[in-house]
Amino acid sequence: MGGEQAADTAVASLRTETGRARHDKELHDSVGEPSTRSDDFRTRRSAHHGTGTKRFDHPAVVISPSP
C-alpha cells in the first residue's frame, strides 16, 4: 500500500469511527484539530462524505411501486 492510499484509509477509518461514536467528544476533538490545520486532511475527509446511493434488497422489506 502506497502512502496516498494509506492516508486515504486512515482518514476513512477515522470518519467511520466518528460516525459510530457520535457522543465521544474526545474522538471528535481529535479529528477536529487536523480538520482545521490541514487542507490535505480536510480534503481526504470530505472526499467520500455522504456521496452516492446504496441499495439494499432484503426479503423482509417490500417496497411497493410508485403510482
N, C-alpha and C. Protein backbone atom coordinates (compact mmCIF):
# COMPACT_ATOMS: atom_id res chain seq x y z
N MET A 1 0.85 -1.17 0.00
CA MET A 1 0.00 0.00 0.00
C MET A 1 0.90 1.23 0.00
N GLY A 2 0.61 2.15 -0.92
CA GLY A 2 1.40 3.38 -1.00
C GLY A 2 0.97 4.39 0.04
N GLY A 3 1.75 5.45 0.15
CA GLY A 3 1.49 6.48 1.15
C GLY A 3 0.14 7.17 0.97
N GLU A 4 -0.23 7.46 -0.28
CA GLU A 4 -1.51 8.13 -0.55
C GLU A 4 -2.68 7.23 -0.15
N GLN A 5 -2.58 5.96 -0.52
CA GLN A 5 -3.64 5.02 -0.18
C GLN A 5 -3.72 4.81 1.34
N ALA A 6 -2.58 4.76 2.00
CA ALA A 6 -2.56 4.60 3.46
C ALA A 6 -3.21 5.80 4.14
N ALA A 7 -2.93 7.01 3.63
CA ALA A 7 -3.55 8.21 4.19
C ALA A 7 -5.05 8.20 3.98
N ASP A 8 -5.50 7.82 2.78
CA ASP A 8 -6.94 7.72 2.49
C ASP A 8 -7.61 6.72 3.43
N THR A 9 -6.97 5.59 3.64
CA THR A 9 -7.52 4.54 4.51
C THR A 9 -7.60 5.01 5.96
N ALA A 10 -6.57 5.69 6.43
CA ALA A 10 -6.56 6.18 7.81
C ALA A 10 -7.66 7.21 8.03
N VAL A 11 -7.82 8.13 7.11
CA VAL A 11 -8.86 9.15 7.25
C VAL A 11 -10.25 8.52 7.14
N ALA A 12 -10.41 7.55 6.25
CA ALA A 12 -11.70 6.86 6.14
C ALA A 12 -12.04 6.12 7.42
N SER A 13 -11.05 5.52 8.06
CA SER A 13 -11.28 4.82 9.33
C SER A 13 -11.71 5.79 10.41
N LEU A 14 -11.06 6.95 10.47
CA LEU A 14 -11.45 7.97 11.44
C LEU A 14 -12.88 8.45 11.18
N ARG A 15 -13.21 8.64 9.92
CA ARG A 15 -14.56 9.09 9.56
C ARG A 15 -15.59 8.05 10.00
N THR A 16 -15.30 6.78 9.79
CA THR A 16 -16.20 5.70 10.19
C THR A 16 -16.37 5.68 11.70
N GLU A 17 -15.28 5.76 12.43
CA GLU A 17 -15.34 5.70 13.89
C GLU A 17 -16.07 6.89 14.48
N THR A 18 -15.87 8.09 13.93
CA THR A 18 -16.59 9.25 14.46
C THR A 18 -18.08 9.13 14.18
N GLY A 19 -18.44 8.45 13.09
CA GLY A 19 -19.85 8.20 12.83
C GLY A 19 -20.46 7.22 13.81
N ARG A 20 -19.70 6.23 14.19
CA ARG A 20 -20.18 5.22 15.15
C ARG A 20 -20.25 5.77 16.56
N ALA A 21 -19.29 6.60 16.91
CA ALA A 21 -19.18 7.11 18.29
C ALA A 21 -19.57 8.59 18.30
N ARG A 22 -20.79 8.87 17.96
CA ARG A 22 -21.25 10.26 17.82
C ARG A 22 -21.14 11.07 19.10
N HIS A 23 -21.16 10.44 20.25
CA HIS A 23 -21.14 11.17 21.51
C HIS A 23 -19.76 11.15 22.19
N ASP A 24 -18.74 10.68 21.47
CA ASP A 24 -17.38 10.63 22.02
C ASP A 24 -16.67 11.95 21.73
N LYS A 25 -16.75 12.88 22.68
CA LYS A 25 -16.19 14.22 22.48
C LYS A 25 -14.68 14.17 22.24
N GLU A 26 -13.98 13.32 22.97
CA GLU A 26 -12.53 13.24 22.81
C GLU A 26 -12.15 12.80 21.39
N LEU A 27 -12.86 11.82 20.86
CA LEU A 27 -12.60 11.37 19.49
C LEU A 27 -12.90 12.48 18.49
N HIS A 28 -14.05 13.12 18.64
CA HIS A 28 -14.42 14.20 17.71
C HIS A 28 -13.44 15.37 17.79
N ASP A 29 -12.98 15.68 19.00
CA ASP A 29 -11.98 16.75 19.14
C ASP A 29 -10.67 16.37 18.47
N SER A 30 -10.28 15.10 18.58
CA SER A 30 -9.02 14.67 17.97
C SER A 30 -9.08 14.68 16.45
N VAL A 31 -10.27 14.55 15.88
CA VAL A 31 -10.43 14.64 14.43
C VAL A 31 -10.61 16.10 14.02
N GLY A 32 -11.21 16.89 14.89
CA GLY A 32 -11.45 18.29 14.57
C GLY A 32 -10.19 19.10 14.42
N GLU A 33 -9.18 18.80 15.22
CA GLU A 33 -7.94 19.57 15.15
C GLU A 33 -7.25 19.45 13.79
N PRO A 34 -7.00 18.23 13.28
CA PRO A 34 -6.37 18.19 11.94
C PRO A 34 -7.28 18.75 10.85
N SER A 35 -8.59 18.72 11.08
CA SER A 35 -9.51 19.29 10.09
C SER A 35 -9.31 20.79 9.95
N THR A 36 -8.92 21.45 11.03
CA THR A 36 -8.72 22.90 10.98
C THR A 36 -7.31 23.27 10.56
N ARG A 37 -6.36 22.34 10.67
CA ARG A 37 -4.96 22.67 10.41
C ARG A 37 -4.41 22.11 9.10
N SER A 38 -5.12 21.17 8.48
CA SER A 38 -4.55 20.50 7.31
C SER A 38 -5.54 20.48 6.15
N ASP A 39 -5.18 21.16 5.08
CA ASP A 39 -6.02 21.12 3.88
C ASP A 39 -6.09 19.71 3.33
N ASP A 40 -4.97 18.98 3.39
CA ASP A 40 -4.93 17.61 2.88
C ASP A 40 -5.90 16.71 3.66
N PHE A 41 -5.87 16.81 4.99
CA PHE A 41 -6.77 16.01 5.82
C PHE A 41 -8.22 16.36 5.52
N ARG A 42 -8.51 17.65 5.46
CA ARG A 42 -9.87 18.13 5.21
C ARG A 42 -10.37 17.63 3.85
N THR A 43 -9.51 17.67 2.85
CA THR A 43 -9.89 17.20 1.51
C THR A 43 -10.17 15.70 1.52
N ARG A 44 -9.29 14.94 2.17
CA ARG A 44 -9.49 13.49 2.24
C ARG A 44 -10.76 13.15 3.02
N ARG A 45 -11.01 13.88 4.12
CA ARG A 45 -12.17 13.60 4.96
C ARG A 45 -13.48 13.86 4.20
N SER A 46 -13.51 14.89 3.41
CA SER A 46 -14.75 15.24 2.70
C SER A 46 -14.90 14.50 1.37
N ALA A 47 -13.86 13.82 0.93
CA ALA A 47 -13.90 13.16 -0.38
C ALA A 47 -14.99 12.11 -0.51
N HIS A 48 -15.31 11.43 0.57
CA HIS A 48 -16.30 10.35 0.49
C HIS A 48 -17.46 10.59 1.45
N HIS A 49 -17.64 11.82 1.86
CA HIS A 49 -18.64 12.12 2.87
C HIS A 49 -20.03 12.25 2.24
N GLY A 50 -20.88 11.25 2.47
CA GLY A 50 -22.26 11.34 2.06
C GLY A 50 -22.51 11.32 0.58
N THR A 51 -21.66 10.70 -0.18
CA THR A 51 -21.87 10.67 -1.62
C THR A 51 -22.41 9.31 -2.04
N GLY A 52 -23.14 9.31 -3.12
CA GLY A 52 -23.62 8.05 -3.68
C GLY A 52 -24.92 7.56 -3.07
N THR A 53 -25.41 6.48 -3.62
CA THR A 53 -26.64 5.86 -3.16
C THR A 53 -26.38 4.40 -2.90
N LYS A 54 -26.94 3.89 -1.83
CA LYS A 54 -26.82 2.47 -1.54
C LYS A 54 -28.20 1.84 -1.68
N ARG A 55 -28.24 0.68 -2.27
CA ARG A 55 -29.49 -0.04 -2.43
C ARG A 55 -29.38 -1.34 -1.64
N PHE A 56 -30.39 -1.61 -0.84
CA PHE A 56 -30.43 -2.82 -0.05
C PHE A 56 -31.65 -3.63 -0.47
N ASP A 57 -31.44 -4.88 -0.76
CA ASP A 57 -32.53 -5.80 -1.05
C ASP A 57 -32.59 -6.81 0.07
N HIS A 58 -33.76 -6.91 0.69
CA HIS A 58 -33.93 -7.85 1.79
C HIS A 58 -35.34 -8.42 1.71
N PRO A 59 -35.47 -9.73 1.89
CA PRO A 59 -36.80 -10.33 1.75
C PRO A 59 -37.82 -9.83 2.77
N ALA A 60 -37.38 -9.28 3.89
CA ALA A 60 -38.33 -8.78 4.89
C ALA A 60 -38.85 -7.39 4.56
N VAL A 61 -38.27 -6.75 3.56
CA VAL A 61 -38.68 -5.40 3.18
C VAL A 61 -39.26 -5.44 1.78
N VAL A 62 -40.49 -4.98 1.69
CA VAL A 62 -41.14 -4.94 0.38
C VAL A 62 -41.47 -3.49 0.07
N ILE A 63 -41.01 -3.03 -1.07
CA ILE A 63 -41.28 -1.65 -1.48
C ILE A 63 -42.27 -1.72 -2.63
N SER A 64 -43.43 -1.11 -2.43
CA SER A 64 -44.41 -1.14 -3.50
C SER A 64 -44.08 -0.08 -4.53
N PRO A 65 -44.40 -0.34 -5.77
CA PRO A 65 -44.07 0.61 -6.84
C PRO A 65 -44.85 1.91 -6.67
N SER A 66 -44.26 2.99 -7.15
CA SER A 66 -44.93 4.31 -7.10
C SER A 66 -46.13 4.29 -8.04
N PRO A 67 -47.19 5.01 -7.67
CA PRO A 67 -48.39 5.05 -8.54
C PRO A 67 -48.14 5.82 -9.82
